[in-house]
Amino acid sequence: MSGKKTLQPPCVMPDAQTQSEGFRATRVARQNVLVEDYLELISDLLTEGSEARQVDIAGRLGVSQPTVAKMFARLAADGLVTQKPYRGVFLTSAGQRVADEARRRHRVVEAFLLALGVSRENALIDAEGVEHYVGEETLTLFQTAIDSGLHQFMTSVRQDRKTHRS
């Protein structure tokens, strides 16, 4: 053993209420993942100056245009987007709020992963999944760690490891 202590989670099952809440939160997040992904992408395309058209959404999400059309109908029924014939889809104010919140969570998770030293490519990919499942308390602590110099700390840890290996 190297004598270094590693933080290990306790091997004790959580109480039923806590475990139930964790599963409930995951189910809710799973239901919202697609909606948030679509709204965030629509917002990004509109912000970029493009139209959010079915073909563009399908290409970026790697799904078929009929799949996008079904989601557009769902988002419109939920009051999150409006559609204009022969044009793209546009966010309502409610849709924009959901997109903004998803983007905020995404940016915090991505920044945290980058501060840990995760490659940009993997941080982008991993943040896309984690952003939907991470709670507000955890996001706040991610941001606190970033603001407190996590990147510099992790850089010094990596340098220290390299020095000790040499």
Protein backbone atom coordinates (compact mmCIF):
# COMPACT_ATOMS: atom_id res chain seq x y z
CA MET A 1 0.00 0.00 0.00
CA SER A 2 1.18 3.49 -0.81
CA GLY A 3 -0.16 5.00 2.40
CA LYS A 4 -2.43 7.37 0.51
CA LYS A 5 -5.98 7.51 1.75
CA THR A 6 -8.79 7.39 -0.76
CA LEU A 7 -12.29 8.54 0.00
CA GLN A 8 -14.60 5.58 -0.30
CA PRO A 9 -18.35 5.79 0.03
CA PRO A 10 -19.79 3.81 2.92
CA CYS A 11 -20.96 0.32 2.03
CA VAL A 12 -24.28 0.81 3.74
CA MET A 13 -27.61 0.87 1.97
CA PRO A 14 -29.39 4.19 2.27
CA ASP A 15 -32.68 4.29 4.11
CA ALA A 16 -35.74 3.46 2.01
CA GLN A 17 -36.88 7.09 1.75
CA THR A 18 -33.50 8.32 0.48
CA GLN A 19 -33.16 5.45 -1.97
CA SER A 20 -36.71 5.97 -3.21
CA GLU A 21 -36.04 9.69 -3.75
CA GLY A 22 -32.92 8.86 -5.77
CA PHE A 23 -34.84 6.52 -8.05
CA ARG A 24 -37.71 9.01 -8.38
CA ALA A 25 -35.33 11.83 -9.32
CA THR A 26 -33.70 9.59 -11.93
CA ARG A 27 -37.07 8.69 -13.46
CA VAL A 28 -38.07 12.36 -13.67
CA ALA A 29 -34.70 13.28 -15.21
CA ARG A 30 -35.01 10.46 -17.74
CA GLN A 31 -38.42 11.81 -18.81
CA ASN A 32 -36.99 15.30 -19.28
CA VAL A 33 -33.75 14.42 -21.07
CA LEU A 34 -35.11 14.48 -24.62
CA VAL A 35 -37.21 17.58 -24.08
CA GLU A 36 -34.24 19.46 -22.62
CA ASP A 37 -31.89 18.27 -25.37
CA TYR A 38 -34.28 19.42 -28.11
CA LEU A 39 -34.98 22.78 -26.48
CA GLU A 40 -31.31 23.49 -25.82
CA LEU A 41 -30.39 22.60 -29.40
CA ILE A 42 -33.23 24.71 -30.83
CA SER A 43 -32.08 27.64 -28.70
CA ASP A 44 -28.47 27.18 -29.80
CA LEU A 45 -29.43 27.09 -33.49
CA LEU A 46 -31.64 30.16 -33.17
CA THR A 47 -28.94 32.03 -31.22
CA GLU A 48 -26.42 31.14 -33.93
CA GLY A 49 -28.71 32.84 -36.44
CA SER A 50 -29.88 29.66 -38.10
CA GLU A 51 -33.39 28.35 -38.22
CA ALA A 52 -34.17 25.29 -36.16
CA ARG A 53 -35.40 23.02 -38.94
CA GLN A 54 -36.24 19.33 -38.73
CA VAL A 55 -33.35 18.39 -40.98
CA ASP A 56 -30.85 20.30 -38.82
CA ILE A 57 -32.16 18.87 -35.55
CA ALA A 58 -32.22 15.34 -36.98
CA GLY A 59 -28.63 15.63 -38.18
CA ARG A 60 -27.31 16.99 -34.91
CA LEU A 61 -29.18 14.52 -32.70
CA GLY A 62 -28.59 11.55 -35.00
CA VAL A 63 -32.28 10.72 -35.35
CA SER A 64 -34.72 10.59 -38.27
CA GLN A 65 -36.79 13.55 -39.43
CA PRO A 66 -40.07 11.78 -38.53
CA THR A 67 -38.73 11.38 -34.98
CA VAL A 68 -38.05 15.11 -34.86
CA ALA A 69 -41.51 15.88 -36.27
CA LYS A 70 -43.10 13.84 -33.46
CA MET A 71 -41.05 15.66 -30.84
CA PHE A 72 -41.89 19.04 -32.37
CA ALA A 73 -45.60 18.14 -32.07
CA ARG A 74 -45.10 17.12 -28.42
CA LEU A 75 -43.16 20.30 -27.61
CA ALA A 76 -45.83 22.43 -29.31
CA ALA A 77 -48.60 20.64 -27.37
CA ASP A 78 -46.67 21.33 -24.16
CA GLY A 79 -46.45 25.04 -25.05
CA LEU A 80 -42.65 25.01 -25.39
CA VAL A 81 -42.33 25.74 -29.12
CA THR A 82 -44.29 27.23 -31.99
CA GLN A 83 -44.03 26.03 -35.55
CA LYS A 84 -44.39 28.10 -38.70
CA PRO A 85 -45.23 26.42 -42.01
CA TYR A 86 -42.20 26.06 -44.29
CA ARG A 87 -39.98 27.46 -41.56
CA GLY A 88 -38.41 26.04 -38.48
CA VAL A 89 -39.55 25.85 -34.92
CA PHE A 90 -39.28 28.68 -32.39
CA LEU A 91 -39.16 28.63 -28.61
CA THR A 92 -41.90 30.09 -26.48
CA SER A 93 -40.82 31.95 -23.34
CA ALA A 94 -41.43 28.74 -21.35
CA GLY A 95 -39.33 26.77 -23.83
CA GLN A 96 -36.54 29.34 -23.61
CA ARG A 97 -36.52 29.08 -19.80
CA VAL A 98 -36.13 25.29 -19.98
CA ALA A 99 -33.36 25.64 -22.59
CA ASP A 100 -31.53 28.26 -20.52
CA GLU A 101 -31.63 26.09 -17.40
CA ALA A 102 -30.39 23.02 -19.31
CA ARG A 103 -27.56 25.10 -20.82
CA ARG A 104 -26.60 26.44 -17.37
CA ARG A 105 -26.39 22.93 -15.93
CA HIS A 106 -24.46 21.73 -18.97
CA ARG A 107 -21.89 24.53 -18.67
CA VAL A 108 -21.29 23.91 -14.96
CA VAL A 109 -20.84 20.15 -15.46
CA GLU A 110 -18.58 20.69 -18.48
CA ALA A 111 -16.45 23.24 -16.62
CA PHE A 112 -16.15 20.88 -13.65
CA LEU A 113 -15.03 17.98 -15.84
CA LEU A 114 -12.51 20.19 -17.64
CA ALA A 115 -11.19 21.40 -14.27
CA LEU A 116 -10.69 17.76 -13.26
CA GLY A 117 -8.54 17.32 -16.36
CA VAL A 118 -11.00 15.44 -18.55
CA SER A 119 -10.25 16.01 -22.25
CA ARG A 120 -12.46 18.58 -24.01
CA GLU A 121 -13.99 15.90 -26.24
CA ASN A 122 -14.90 13.62 -23.34
CA ALA A 123 -16.08 16.54 -21.19
CA LEU A 124 -18.49 17.57 -23.95
CA ILE A 125 -19.82 14.04 -24.31
CA ASP A 126 -20.06 13.29 -20.58
CA ALA A 127 -21.60 16.66 -19.69
CA GLU A 128 -24.38 15.95 -22.17
CA GLY A 129 -25.51 13.04 -20.02
CA VAL A 130 -24.62 14.17 -16.52
CA GLU A 131 -26.33 17.58 -16.84
CA HIS A 132 -29.76 15.94 -16.76
CA TYR A 133 -29.18 13.83 -13.66
CA VAL A 134 -27.16 16.04 -11.35
CA GLY A 135 -29.01 17.82 -8.57
CA GLU A 136 -28.86 21.50 -7.69
CA GLU A 137 -26.81 20.91 -4.51
CA THR A 138 -24.19 19.02 -6.50
CA LEU A 139 -24.14 21.69 -9.24
CA THR A 140 -23.62 24.36 -6.61
CA LEU A 141 -20.70 22.43 -5.14
CA PHE A 142 -19.25 21.83 -8.63
CA GLN A 143 -19.32 25.60 -9.17
CA THR A 144 -17.82 26.24 -5.73
CA ALA A 145 -14.97 23.82 -6.50
CA ILE A 146 -14.34 25.52 -9.85
CA ASP A 147 -14.40 28.98 -8.28
CA SER A 148 -12.05 27.80 -5.52
CA GLY A 149 -9.33 26.75 -7.95
CA LEU A 150 -10.11 23.11 -8.73
CA HIS A 151 -8.29 23.34 -12.06
CA GLN A 152 -5.10 24.63 -10.44
CA PHE A 153 -5.34 21.99 -7.69
CA MET A 154 -5.78 19.16 -10.18
CA THR A 155 -2.91 20.47 -12.31
CA SER A 156 -0.63 20.42 -9.26
CA VAL A 157 -1.78 16.89 -8.36
CA ARG A 158 -0.98 15.67 -11.88
CA GLN A 159 2.43 17.38 -11.76
CA ASP A 160 3.11 15.84 -8.33
CA ARG A 161 2.25 12.37 -9.66
CA LYS A 162 4.56 12.83 -12.64
CA THR A 163 7.37 13.93 -10.33
CA HIS A 164 6.93 10.92 -8.06
CA ARG A 165 6.90 8.49 -10.98
CA SER A 166 10.17 9.81 -12.35
